[in-house]
């Protein structure tokens, strides 16, 4: 399989055709080898229009959703971004190539180690990954210019809001356990936030102190 052709087709048909027009994002998605972030047996499906399993009941997000969430942050290149849910590391790689530094939290150590290995293989070095409860953010490195959460929660954890700079943006799925709305929150000043609903979505649950409990799993 020619992955370069498959990747170009993915970007043209799934990203650009659906209205994503950020030239930097389009260039990055044309470069990052998505197939390296999935198991070998699934590489033939890496550029298909949908999520794929990566083990531990987690998924690599649909390419369009990765693009839409990245675009919603409005990245310019100078930002420090917090990512919640490293997963396969694909979204991490996209963010890393568009920002100054990414701080990524993954609660499953096996996934964090695997993502780190692929990022190192691609010589993407501006990423800090730690295994921890992502629902409480990364206070030691805050504040952040942007926060991207790749798991759905019943509401926005308060720690995310206080760890966002004024003018910064948070993008995350909020709603029920199986179905959410993708929202964007912009911090206007110390106590004021603008909230926008972008689209419907379906993500794995955000597990942790300020999210769902593993006991909630249905």
Protein backbone atom coordinates (compact mmCIF):
# COMPACT_ATOMS: atom_id res chain seq x y z
CA UNK A 1 0.00 0.00 0.00
CA UNK A 2 1.26 3.48 -0.89
CA UNK A 3 0.71 5.35 2.36
CA UNK A 4 1.68 8.71 0.85
CA UNK A 5 -1.12 8.50 -1.70
CA UNK A 6 -3.57 7.24 0.93
CA UNK A 7 -2.63 10.12 3.24
CA UNK A 8 -3.04 12.70 0.50
CA UNK A 9 -6.45 11.26 -0.40
CA UNK A 10 -7.45 11.32 3.28
CA UNK A 11 -6.59 15.01 3.56
CA UNK A 12 -8.34 15.96 0.32
CA UNK A 13 -11.52 13.95 0.83
CA UNK A 14 -11.96 13.95 4.61
CA UNK A 15 -10.33 17.20 5.73
CA UNK A 16 -10.35 19.84 2.99
CA UNK A 17 -13.67 18.69 1.49
CA UNK A 18 -15.31 19.18 4.91
CA UNK A 19 -14.20 22.78 5.23
CA UNK A 20 -10.87 22.65 7.08
CA UNK A 21 -8.79 25.34 5.36
CA UNK A 22 -5.89 26.07 7.74
CA UNK A 23 -2.87 25.67 5.41
CA UNK A 24 -0.47 24.80 8.27
CA UNK A 25 -2.79 22.08 9.57
CA UNK A 26 -3.33 20.65 6.10
CA UNK A 27 0.43 20.54 5.52
CA UNK A 28 1.04 18.78 8.84
CA UNK A 29 -1.68 16.19 8.24
CA UNK A 30 -0.14 15.48 4.86
CA UNK A 31 3.19 14.79 6.58
CA UNK A 32 2.40 12.81 9.75
CA UNK A 33 2.36 9.04 8.97
CA UNK A 34 -0.88 8.03 10.69
CA UNK A 35 -0.26 4.34 9.89
CA UNK A 36 2.66 4.25 12.33
CA UNK A 37 0.28 5.04 15.21
CA UNK A 38 -1.88 1.91 14.76
CA UNK A 39 -1.13 -1.81 15.04
CA UNK A 40 0.44 -3.37 11.96
CA UNK A 41 -2.67 -5.41 11.27
CA UNK A 42 -4.74 -2.22 10.97
CA UNK A 43 -2.35 -0.15 8.89
CA UNK A 44 -4.34 -0.76 5.73
CA UNK A 45 -7.22 1.10 7.43
CA UNK A 46 -5.13 3.91 8.95
CA UNK A 47 -6.36 6.54 6.48
CA UNK A 48 -10.00 5.45 6.45
CA UNK A 49 -12.77 7.83 7.55
CA UNK A 50 -13.24 6.63 11.12
CA UNK A 51 -11.63 5.79 14.46
CA UNK A 52 -9.63 2.61 15.06
CA UNK A 53 -8.97 0.57 18.22
CA UNK A 54 -5.53 0.90 19.83
CA UNK A 55 -6.10 -1.46 22.77
CA UNK A 56 -7.20 -0.93 26.39
CA UNK A 57 -10.69 0.09 25.14
CA UNK A 58 -9.18 3.23 23.58
CA UNK A 59 -9.18 4.52 20.00
CA UNK A 60 -7.26 6.68 17.58
CA UNK A 61 -9.72 9.39 16.57
CA UNK A 62 -11.21 9.80 13.12
CA UNK A 63 -8.86 11.95 10.98
CA UNK A 64 -11.50 14.65 10.51
CA UNK A 65 -12.07 14.91 14.27
CA UNK A 66 -8.31 15.30 14.84
CA UNK A 67 -8.27 18.07 12.25
CA UNK A 68 -11.42 19.78 13.56
CA UNK A 69 -10.19 19.83 17.15
CA UNK A 70 -6.76 21.10 16.12
CA UNK A 71 -8.29 23.80 13.93
CA UNK A 72 -10.63 24.90 16.74
CA UNK A 73 -7.61 25.83 18.88
CA UNK A 74 -6.53 28.42 16.28
CA UNK A 75 -2.85 27.58 16.66
CA UNK A 76 -0.22 30.02 15.39
CA UNK A 77 2.98 28.15 16.31
CA UNK A 78 4.13 29.78 19.56
CA UNK A 79 1.74 28.03 21.94
CA UNK A 80 2.21 25.66 24.85
CA UNK A 81 -0.61 23.14 24.65
CA UNK A 82 -1.95 20.63 27.18
CA UNK A 83 -3.33 17.43 25.68
CA UNK A 84 -5.44 15.09 27.79
CA UNK A 85 -5.41 11.52 26.49
CA UNK A 86 -2.20 10.81 24.57
CA UNK A 87 -3.62 7.55 23.27
CA UNK A 88 -1.75 6.46 20.15
CA UNK A 89 0.15 9.75 19.98
CA UNK A 90 -1.24 10.75 16.57
CA UNK A 91 -3.09 13.84 17.79
CA UNK A 92 -0.01 14.61 19.89
CA UNK A 93 2.18 14.57 16.79
CA UNK A 94 -0.18 16.90 14.92
CA UNK A 95 -0.16 19.38 17.81
CA UNK A 96 3.61 19.12 18.26
CA UNK A 97 4.24 20.08 14.65
CA UNK A 98 1.99 23.13 15.01
CA UNK A 99 3.07 24.47 18.41
CA UNK A 100 6.09 25.27 20.54
CA UNK A 101 5.54 22.44 23.07
CA UNK A 102 2.92 19.85 23.97
CA UNK A 103 2.34 18.51 27.47
CA UNK A 104 0.38 15.27 27.15
CA UNK A 105 -1.19 13.16 29.90
CA UNK A 106 -2.17 9.51 29.46
CA UNK A 107 -3.60 7.41 32.30
CA UNK A 108 -2.60 4.07 30.67
CA UNK A 109 1.16 3.60 30.93
CA UNK A 110 1.38 1.08 28.06
CA UNK A 111 -0.17 3.57 25.64
CA UNK A 112 2.03 6.41 26.90
CA UNK A 113 5.18 4.32 26.33
CA UNK A 114 4.06 3.24 22.87
CA UNK A 115 3.24 6.81 21.85
CA UNK A 116 6.61 8.04 23.14
CA UNK A 117 8.37 5.38 21.04
CA UNK A 118 6.63 6.42 17.81
CA UNK A 119 7.18 10.13 18.48
CA UNK A 120 10.89 9.45 19.10
CA UNK A 121 11.03 7.43 15.89
CA UNK A 122 9.67 10.46 14.03
CA UNK A 123 12.13 12.74 15.87
CA UNK A 124 9.33 14.77 17.40
CA UNK A 125 11.05 16.05 20.53
CA UNK A 126 8.89 18.95 21.76
CA UNK A 127 6.49 16.68 23.68
CA UNK A 128 6.40 15.92 27.40
CA UNK A 129 4.32 12.83 28.28
CA UNK A 130 3.39 11.65 31.75
CA UNK A 131 1.13 8.93 33.09
CA UNK A 132 -1.38 10.45 35.51
CA UNK A 133 -5.00 11.41 36.12
CA UNK A 134 -5.63 13.77 33.22
CA UNK A 135 -8.80 15.23 34.73
CA UNK A 136 -6.75 17.43 37.08
CA UNK A 137 -4.54 18.84 34.33
CA UNK A 138 -0.83 19.59 34.73
CA UNK A 139 -0.60 22.36 37.32
CA UNK A 140 3.20 22.46 37.44
CA UNK A 141 3.36 23.47 33.77
CA UNK A 142 0.31 25.74 33.67
CA UNK A 143 -0.89 28.08 32.34
CA UNK A 144 -1.46 26.83 28.81
CA UNK A 145 -2.35 28.65 25.60
CA UNK A 146 -4.56 25.76 24.55
CA UNK A 147 -6.02 22.59 26.01
CA UNK A 148 -7.26 19.68 23.90
CA UNK A 149 -9.13 16.84 25.60
CA UNK A 150 -9.50 13.61 23.60
CA UNK A 151 -12.09 11.99 25.89
CA UNK A 152 -15.65 12.85 26.85
CA UNK A 153 -16.67 14.15 30.28
CA UNK A 154 -20.01 15.05 31.89
CA UNK A 155 -18.74 18.61 32.31
CA UNK A 156 -15.55 20.66 31.99
CA UNK A 157 -13.22 20.02 34.95
CA UNK A 158 -12.57 23.26 36.86
CA UNK A 159 -8.81 22.66 36.79
CA UNK A 160 -8.80 23.01 33.00
CA UNK A 161 -10.36 26.46 33.22
CA UNK A 162 -7.90 27.80 35.79
CA UNK A 163 -4.94 26.34 33.88
CA UNK A 164 -5.86 28.24 30.70
CA UNK A 165 -4.32 31.65 29.96
CA UNK A 166 -6.57 34.64 29.30
CA UNK A 167 -7.31 34.43 25.59
CA UNK A 168 -6.56 30.71 25.54
CA UNK A 169 -8.89 28.05 24.13
CA UNK A 170 -10.06 24.69 25.43
CA UNK A 171 -11.59 22.09 23.08
CA UNK A 172 -13.23 18.95 24.46
CA UNK A 173 -16.26 16.63 24.21
CA UNK A 174 -18.89 17.16 26.92
CA UNK A 175 -22.06 15.17 27.52
CA UNK A 176 -23.14 11.62 28.22
CA UNK A 177 -21.05 8.50 28.52
CA UNK A 178 -21.68 7.42 24.91
CA UNK A 179 -22.52 10.66 23.10
CA UNK A 180 -21.19 14.19 23.51
CA UNK A 181 -20.99 17.64 21.94
CA UNK A 182 -17.61 19.06 21.00
CA UNK A 183 -17.29 22.42 22.72
CA UNK A 184 -14.79 25.27 22.64
CA UNK A 185 -14.24 27.50 25.64
CA UNK A 186 -12.29 30.75 25.37
CA UNK A 187 -11.06 32.40 28.56
CA UNK A 188 -11.98 36.08 28.24
CA UNK A 189 -10.60 37.23 31.61
CA UNK A 190 -10.04 35.86 35.10
CA UNK A 191 -13.65 34.83 35.68
CA UNK A 192 -15.32 35.05 32.27
CA UNK A 193 -15.47 32.29 29.68
CA UNK A 194 -17.11 32.08 26.27
CA UNK A 195 -18.59 28.67 25.46
CA UNK A 196 -19.40 27.46 21.92
CA UNK A 197 -20.88 24.18 20.75
CA UNK A 198 -19.13 22.99 17.58
CA UNK A 199 -20.62 19.61 16.62
CA UNK A 200 -21.86 16.28 17.90
CA UNK A 201 -19.23 13.63 18.58
CA UNK A 202 -18.54 10.33 20.30
CA UNK A 203 -15.40 9.79 22.38
CA UNK A 204 -14.17 7.30 24.92
CA UNK A 205 -14.92 8.44 28.50
CA UNK A 206 -12.61 10.74 30.44
CA UNK A 207 -11.77 8.63 33.49
CA UNK A 208 -10.53 10.25 36.69
CA UNK A 209 -11.25 12.40 39.71
CA UNK A 210 -13.09 15.12 37.75
CA UNK A 211 -14.50 12.85 35.05
CA UNK A 212 -16.20 9.46 34.90
CA UNK A 213 -15.35 6.58 37.20
CA UNK A 214 -14.36 3.21 35.76
CA UNK A 215 -17.37 1.90 37.68
CA UNK A 216 -19.61 4.00 35.39
CA UNK A 217 -18.70 1.87 32.39
CA UNK A 218 -21.72 0.29 30.76
